[in-house]
Amino acid sequence: MLFLRNRLFRQNLFSMGLILLTGGILISLFSLAGALGFLCGGVLIGGCAAFSQFQQYHQITVVTEKVDRILHGEESLVVAQEEGELAILTNQIEKMTNRLREQSASLEKEKNHLANSLTDVAHQVRTPLTTLFLLTEQLRTPELADAEYRHIIREQEQLLKRVDILVTELLKIAKLEAGSVVYHPVQLTAGQLIHLTVEAFAIPLELADISLAIHGNLEDTLLVDPTWTVEALSNLLKNALEHTPEKGQIAITCQKNPIYSEITITDSGPGISQEDLPFLFDRFYQGKRHHDASFGIGLALSRMIISQQNGSLTAKNVQKGGASFTVRFYQTEAVAMTNNRV
């Protein structure tokens, strides 16, 4: 009875009935042999059509049942089909279910990533806030000396600045991930870009007695957004400064070839632990040798900024000791040639 729901199947049954009725009329009006021939031919043609529709409807029913099972959690749609429109339809359904499954897995991954990120943010914010509450309680002590009072106020100020920096960095990452950042690339030399980056570190470098050497052709030009690129390079230079011992050295080297422009920042610190290298640019990741004031955001932020400007950021250890971060901005023509080849 399920096949009677198929409109084509019903039409075919109606056609066969009409053929039988016509055959009966012909038998009563004309010769028996001609009428029987017409009747047998019509029944044969109608039977073949009905059988073909029956097969198609059966295959459609099988596919429908499999799709229903997929909707209830079955992994894949596997239906043996020969050539034909139904096989094409089944193949398209298989592609659609695979795409939906991939999207579902991606959403699940993003949900887990968001949950982990919120946990990390809560932890990063809770630590200074807990200390702030404790310091506030100390301020309520009646016999607190003026010197101790000023010391607590300074500590609170530092902690508030730490929270402010964290919130600012998180907002930057959120804007970058949402794609709401509009880059305004301009033509400037490597020397100009390095100068804009280094000028904010003049005093910290002097206080730590760390020498800074700049090598390469500073007249090479780059097409980048100055504000965001300086932000990315500043995070790399800050990381190098934090891991370079007193009286150490930091070197910035720039070079250019027909494919990319490269800026490398190398320090003379202890280098990067091998087990930390694969996760160095993960958000909130802090390796064995992380700085106490680090949130584990700066390197992740730098990679996002650079990659969104058609660049790359990599890290490695150098043989003589220390870590090296390499920024590459690829030329538009080279990227277009690569895309055309693909």
Protein backbone atom coordinates (compact mmCIF):
# COMPACT_ATOMS: atom_id res chain seq x y z
CA MET A 1 0.00 0.00 0.00
CA LEU A 2 2.99 2.33 0.51
CA PHE A 3 3.59 2.44 -3.24
CA LEU A 4 0.10 3.85 -3.80
CA ARG A 5 1.37 7.09 -2.24
CA ASN A 6 3.56 7.55 -5.33
CA ARG A 7 1.68 9.71 -7.83
CA LEU A 8 3.50 8.26 -10.86
CA PHE A 9 2.79 4.73 -9.68
CA ARG A 10 -0.91 5.58 -9.35
CA GLN A 11 -0.94 7.12 -12.82
CA ASN A 12 0.66 4.00 -14.24
CA LEU A 13 -1.97 1.77 -12.60
CA PHE A 14 -4.65 4.03 -14.02
CA SER A 15 -3.08 3.73 -17.50
CA MET A 16 -2.99 -0.05 -17.23
CA GLY A 17 -6.64 -0.09 -16.18
CA LEU A 18 -7.50 2.14 -19.12
CA ILE A 19 -5.62 -0.20 -21.46
CA LEU A 20 -7.51 -3.22 -20.11
CA LEU A 21 -10.81 -1.39 -20.49
CA THR A 22 -9.95 -0.39 -24.07
CA GLY A 23 -8.89 -3.95 -24.83
CA GLY A 24 -12.22 -5.27 -23.54
CA ILE A 25 -14.12 -2.83 -25.72
CA LEU A 26 -12.05 -3.80 -28.76
CA ILE A 27 -12.66 -7.47 -28.10
CA SER A 28 -16.39 -6.87 -28.07
CA LEU A 29 -16.32 -4.73 -31.22
CA PHE A 30 -13.59 -6.16 -33.45
CA SER A 31 -11.69 -9.33 -34.05
CA LEU A 32 -10.50 -11.29 -31.09
CA ALA A 33 -6.90 -11.73 -32.34
CA GLY A 34 -6.24 -8.00 -32.96
CA ALA A 35 -7.80 -7.00 -29.69
CA LEU A 36 -5.78 -9.59 -27.77
CA GLY A 37 -2.59 -8.35 -29.45
CA PHE A 38 -3.33 -4.79 -28.50
CA LEU A 39 -4.23 -5.86 -25.01
CA CYS A 40 -1.08 -7.96 -24.50
CA GLY A 41 1.17 -5.21 -25.90
CA GLY A 42 -0.40 -2.60 -23.68
CA VAL A 43 -0.17 -4.82 -20.62
CA LEU A 44 3.48 -5.62 -21.39
CA ILE A 45 4.44 -1.96 -21.82
CA GLY A 46 2.45 -0.90 -18.77
CA GLY A 47 3.91 -3.75 -16.71
CA CYS A 48 7.48 -2.79 -17.63
CA ALA A 49 6.80 0.83 -16.75
CA ALA A 50 5.19 -0.20 -13.48
CA PHE A 51 8.11 -2.46 -12.60
CA SER A 52 10.61 0.32 -13.37
CA GLN A 53 8.68 2.77 -11.21
CA PHE A 54 8.42 0.14 -8.50
CA GLN A 55 12.22 -0.25 -8.51
CA GLN A 56 12.79 3.49 -8.40
CA TYR A 57 10.30 3.97 -5.61
CA HIS A 58 11.92 1.15 -3.65
CA GLN A 59 15.36 2.77 -4.04
CA ILE A 60 13.97 6.15 -3.00
CA THR A 61 12.41 4.52 0.05
CA VAL A 62 15.78 2.97 0.99
CA VAL A 63 17.54 6.36 0.63
CA THR A 64 14.81 8.07 2.67
CA GLU A 65 15.16 5.54 5.47
CA LYS A 66 18.95 5.99 5.48
CA VAL A 67 18.61 9.78 5.65
CA ASP A 68 16.22 9.35 8.57
CA ARG A 69 18.80 7.17 10.34
CA ILE A 70 21.46 9.84 9.74
CA LEU A 71 19.17 12.42 11.32
CA HIS A 72 19.04 10.14 14.37
CA GLY A 73 22.81 9.76 14.65
CA GLU A 74 23.98 7.23 12.07
CA GLU A 75 27.42 8.11 10.71
CA SER A 76 27.14 7.90 6.92
CA LEU A 77 24.83 7.28 3.98
CA VAL A 78 25.88 4.11 2.13
CA VAL A 79 23.44 3.06 -0.59
CA ALA A 80 24.52 0.93 -3.55
CA GLN A 81 23.35 2.75 -6.67
CA GLU A 82 23.93 2.28 -10.35
CA GLU A 83 24.10 5.11 -12.86
CA GLY A 84 21.15 7.40 -13.23
CA GLU A 85 19.45 10.42 -11.72
CA LEU A 86 18.77 8.63 -8.46
CA ALA A 87 22.47 7.79 -8.11
CA ILE A 88 23.31 11.47 -8.67
CA LEU A 89 20.74 12.48 -6.05
CA THR A 90 22.16 9.97 -3.56
CA ASN A 91 25.67 11.27 -4.19
CA GLN A 92 24.55 14.85 -3.60
CA ILE A 93 22.81 13.85 -0.38
CA GLU A 94 26.03 12.13 0.74
CA LYS A 95 28.01 15.32 0.02
CA MET A 96 25.45 17.42 1.88
CA THR A 97 25.52 15.15 4.95
CA ASN A 98 29.34 15.18 4.96
CA ARG A 99 29.35 18.98 4.79
CA LEU A 100 26.79 19.24 7.58
CA ARG A 101 28.83 16.78 9.65
CA GLU A 102 31.99 18.86 9.10
CA GLN A 103 30.15 22.02 10.07
CA SER A 104 28.80 20.32 13.17
CA ALA A 105 32.29 19.17 14.14
CA SER A 106 33.63 22.68 13.51
CA LEU A 107 30.91 24.23 15.67
CA GLU A 108 31.64 21.71 18.42
CA LYS A 109 35.33 22.55 18.23
CA GLU A 110 34.59 26.28 18.37
CA LYS A 111 32.26 25.74 21.33
CA ASN A 112 34.98 23.86 23.21
CA HIS A 113 37.52 26.51 22.23
CA LEU A 114 35.22 29.25 23.51
CA ALA A 115 34.64 27.38 26.76
CA ASN A 116 38.40 26.91 27.26
CA SER A 117 39.06 30.54 26.38
CA LEU A 118 36.48 31.76 28.87
CA THR A 119 38.06 29.55 31.52
CA ASP A 120 41.50 30.98 30.74
CA VAL A 121 40.19 34.55 30.77
CA ALA A 122 38.44 33.97 34.09
CA HIS A 123 41.64 32.57 35.55
CA GLN A 124 43.76 35.44 34.23
CA VAL A 125 41.37 38.05 35.64
CA ARG A 126 40.62 36.28 38.92
CA THR A 127 44.27 36.12 40.00
CA PRO A 128 44.88 39.91 40.14
CA LEU A 129 41.37 40.56 41.42
CA THR A 130 41.94 38.20 44.35
CA THR A 131 45.14 40.04 45.20
CA LEU A 132 43.32 43.38 44.91
CA PHE A 133 40.69 42.24 47.41
CA LEU A 134 43.40 41.16 49.86
CA LEU A 135 45.21 44.47 49.50
CA THR A 136 41.95 46.34 50.03
CA GLU A 137 41.43 44.46 53.29
CA GLN A 138 44.92 45.47 54.40
CA LEU A 139 44.08 49.12 53.78
CA ARG A 140 41.38 48.85 56.40
CA THR A 141 43.95 48.14 59.10
CA PRO A 142 43.77 51.16 61.54
CA GLU A 143 47.45 51.09 62.55
CA LEU A 144 48.73 50.90 58.96
CA ALA A 145 51.87 53.04 58.49
CA ASP A 146 52.05 55.65 55.75
CA ALA A 147 54.89 53.85 53.96
CA GLU A 148 52.97 50.57 53.96
CA TYR A 149 49.86 52.40 52.78
CA ARG A 150 51.72 53.91 49.79
CA HIS A 151 53.24 50.51 48.99
CA ILE A 152 49.81 48.86 48.87
CA ILE A 153 48.44 51.64 46.67
CA ARG A 154 51.31 51.13 44.21
CA GLU A 155 50.66 47.39 44.12
CA GLN A 156 46.97 47.98 43.47
CA GLU A 157 47.81 50.37 40.66
CA GLN A 158 50.09 47.76 39.03
CA LEU A 159 47.43 45.08 39.30
CA LEU A 160 44.78 47.35 37.79
CA LYS A 161 47.11 48.13 34.91
CA ARG A 162 47.62 44.39 34.43
CA VAL A 163 43.87 43.79 34.22
CA ASP A 164 43.50 46.75 31.84
CA ILE A 165 46.23 45.37 29.55
CA LEU A 166 44.58 41.93 29.57
CA VAL A 167 41.17 43.33 28.65
CA THR A 168 42.70 45.49 25.90
CA GLU A 169 44.57 42.53 24.38
CA LEU A 170 41.47 40.34 24.52
CA LEU A 171 39.41 43.00 22.76
CA LYS A 172 42.03 43.20 20.02
CA ILE A 173 41.95 39.44 19.53
CA ALA A 174 38.13 39.49 19.46
CA LYS A 175 38.16 42.16 16.74
CA LEU A 176 40.72 40.25 14.69
CA GLU A 177 38.79 37.00 14.95
CA ALA A 178 35.51 38.70 14.05
CA GLY A 179 37.12 40.19 10.95
CA SER A 180 36.13 43.70 11.97
CA VAL A 181 39.68 45.06 11.71
CA VAL A 182 40.21 47.14 8.56
CA TYR A 183 43.87 47.33 7.58
CA HIS A 184 45.19 50.44 5.88
CA PRO A 185 48.43 49.36 4.18
CA VAL A 186 50.92 52.05 3.23
CA GLN A 187 54.32 51.92 1.58
CA LEU A 188 57.12 52.39 4.09
CA THR A 189 60.70 51.23 4.44
CA ALA A 190 61.88 48.49 6.77
CA GLY A 191 63.91 51.13 8.60
CA GLN A 192 60.80 53.22 9.28
CA LEU A 193 58.87 50.19 10.52
CA ILE A 194 61.71 49.11 12.81
CA HIS A 195 62.16 52.65 14.13
CA LEU A 196 58.46 52.89 15.03
CA THR A 197 58.78 49.57 16.86
CA VAL A 198 62.02 50.22 18.71
CA GLU A 199 61.41 53.78 19.92
CA ALA A 200 59.07 52.61 22.72
CA PHE A 201 61.76 50.23 24.06
CA ALA A 202 64.65 52.66 24.32
CA ILE A 203 64.38 53.08 28.11
CA PRO A 204 63.68 49.38 28.95
CA LEU A 205 66.69 48.35 26.83
CA GLU A 206 68.90 50.88 28.58
CA LEU A 207 67.71 49.90 32.07
CA ALA A 208 68.39 46.21 31.35
CA ASP A 209 71.73 47.07 29.75
CA ILE A 210 70.79 45.14 26.61
CA SER A 211 72.34 46.11 23.30
CA LEU A 212 70.23 46.29 20.15
CA ALA A 213 71.77 45.77 16.71
CA ILE A 214 69.92 46.34 13.44
CA HIS A 215 71.20 44.73 10.24
CA GLY A 216 70.16 44.54 6.59
CA ASN A 217 68.95 46.96 3.96
CA LEU A 218 66.70 49.37 5.81
CA GLU A 219 65.58 50.97 2.53
CA ASP A 220 63.62 47.89 1.46
CA THR A 221 59.93 48.79 1.18
CA LEU A 222 56.91 46.97 2.61
CA LEU A 223 53.19 47.42 2.07
CA VAL A 224 51.65 46.98 5.54
CA ASP A 225 49.39 48.67 8.06
CA PRO A 226 51.84 50.62 10.28
CA THR A 227 49.76 50.62 13.46
CA TRP A 228 48.90 46.93 13.57
CA THR A 229 52.28 45.78 12.25
CA VAL A 230 54.14 47.78 14.88
CA GLU A 231 51.81 46.16 17.45
CA ALA A 232 52.86 42.71 16.22
CA LEU A 233 56.58 43.50 16.10
CA SER A 234 56.43 45.18 19.51
CA ASN A 235 55.08 41.97 21.04
CA LEU A 236 58.00 40.05 19.53
CA LEU A 237 60.54 42.60 20.73
CA LYS A 238 58.94 42.65 24.18
CA ASN A 239 59.19 38.85 24.31
CA ALA A 240 62.87 39.04 23.34
CA LEU A 241 63.52 41.70 25.99
CA GLU A 242 61.86 39.61 28.70
CA HIS A 243 64.00 36.56 27.92
CA THR A 244 67.33 38.30 27.36
CA PRO A 245 69.62 38.44 30.41
CA GLU A 246 71.28 41.64 31.59
CA LYS A 247 74.06 42.80 29.26
CA GLY A 248 72.63 40.52 26.55
CA GLN A 249 72.05 41.27 22.89
CA ILE A 250 69.02 41.56 20.62
CA ALA A 251 69.42 41.70 16.84
CA ILE A 252 66.89 42.80 14.22
CA THR A 253 67.69 41.74 10.67
CA CYS A 254 65.72 42.68 7.57
CA GLN A 255 66.06 41.37 4.03
CA LYS A 256 63.98 41.11 0.86
CA ASN A 257 63.74 38.86 -2.18
CA PRO A 258 61.26 38.64 -5.10
CA ILE A 259 58.90 36.49 -3.00
CA TYR A 260 58.80 38.08 0.45
CA SER A 261 60.18 40.72 2.81
CA GLU A 262 61.60 39.32 6.04
CA ILE A 263 62.24 40.76 9.50
CA THR A 264 63.95 38.56 12.10
CA ILE A 265 64.25 39.33 15.81
CA THR A 266 66.87 37.25 17.64
CA ASP A 267 67.77 37.35 21.34
CA SER A 268 70.63 35.89 23.38
CA GLY A 269 68.40 34.32 26.02
CA PRO A 270 68.00 30.65 26.98
CA GLY A 271 65.92 29.83 23.91
CA ILE A 272 62.60 28.02 23.62
CA SER A 273 61.97 24.61 25.11
CA GLN A 274 61.44 22.00 22.39
CA GLU A 275 58.18 20.87 23.94
CA ASP A 276 56.92 24.47 23.95
CA LEU A 277 57.66 25.19 20.27
CA PRO A 278 54.51 23.53 18.81
CA PHE A 279 52.23 25.53 21.14
CA LEU A 280 54.12 28.80 21.26
CA PHE A 281 51.49 30.78 19.34
CA ASP A 282 48.47 29.25 21.08
CA ARG A 283 46.41 31.73 23.04
CA PHE A 284 47.10 31.77 26.82
CA TYR A 285 49.89 29.20 26.41
CA GLN A 286 52.73 29.77 28.82
CA GLY A 287 55.86 27.70 28.48
CA LYS A 288 58.38 26.65 31.08
CA ARG A 289 60.35 29.89 30.70
CA HIS A 290 57.46 32.33 30.50
CA HIS A 291 57.82 35.75 32.08
CA ASP A 292 55.90 36.42 35.28
CA ALA A 293 54.05 39.35 33.71
CA SER A 294 53.06 37.39 30.60
CA PHE A 295 49.45 36.49 29.80
CA GLY A 296 50.34 34.19 26.92
CA ILE A 297 48.48 36.43 24.45
CA GLY A 298 51.15 38.56 22.75
CA LEU A 299 52.59 35.95 20.39
CA ALA A 300 49.13 34.70 19.39
CA LEU A 301 48.07 38.28 18.69
CA SER A 302 51.20 38.92 16.59
CA ARG A 303 50.62 35.86 14.43
CA MET A 304 46.99 36.85 13.80
CA ILE A 305 47.96 40.39 12.76
CA ILE A 306 50.73 39.21 10.45
CA SER A 307 48.79 36.35 8.86
CA GLN A 308 45.84 38.64 8.11
CA GLN A 309 48.25 40.87 6.18
CA ASN A 310 49.37 38.06 3.90
CA GLY A 311 52.33 37.16 6.08
CA SER A 312 53.70 34.42 8.31
CA LEU A 313 55.36 34.23 11.72
CA THR A 314 57.65 31.39 12.80
CA ALA A 315 59.94 30.73 15.74
CA LYS A 316 63.03 28.60 16.27
CA ASN A 317 66.14 28.30 18.42
CA VAL A 318 69.49 29.46 17.11
CA GLN A 319 72.61 27.36 17.43
CA LYS A 320 74.57 29.90 19.46
CA GLY A 321 71.71 30.16 21.96
CA GLY A 322 68.59 32.24 22.12
CA ALA A 323 65.32 32.38 20.20
CA SER A 324 64.63 33.74 16.74
CA PHE A 325 61.26 35.00 15.43
CA THR A 326 60.90 35.48 11.68
CA VAL A 327 58.20 37.63 10.09
CA ARG A 328 57.61 37.34 6.35
CA PHE A 329 55.34 39.52 4.24
CA TYR A 330 54.75 37.93 0.85
CA GLN A 331 54.65 40.01 -2.30
CA THR A 332 51.21 40.34 -3.92
CA GLU A 333 52.51 39.24 -7.32
CA ALA A 334 54.06 36.07 -5.87
CA VAL A 335 50.85 35.16 -4.07
CA ALA A 336 48.80 35.75 -7.22
CA MET A 337 51.11 33.45 -9.20
CA THR A 338 50.79 30.77 -6.52
CA ASN A 339 46.99 31.01 -6.51
CA ASN A 340 46.87 30.75 -10.30
CA ARG A 341 48.94 27.58 -10.19
CA VAL A 342 46.57 26.07 -7.68
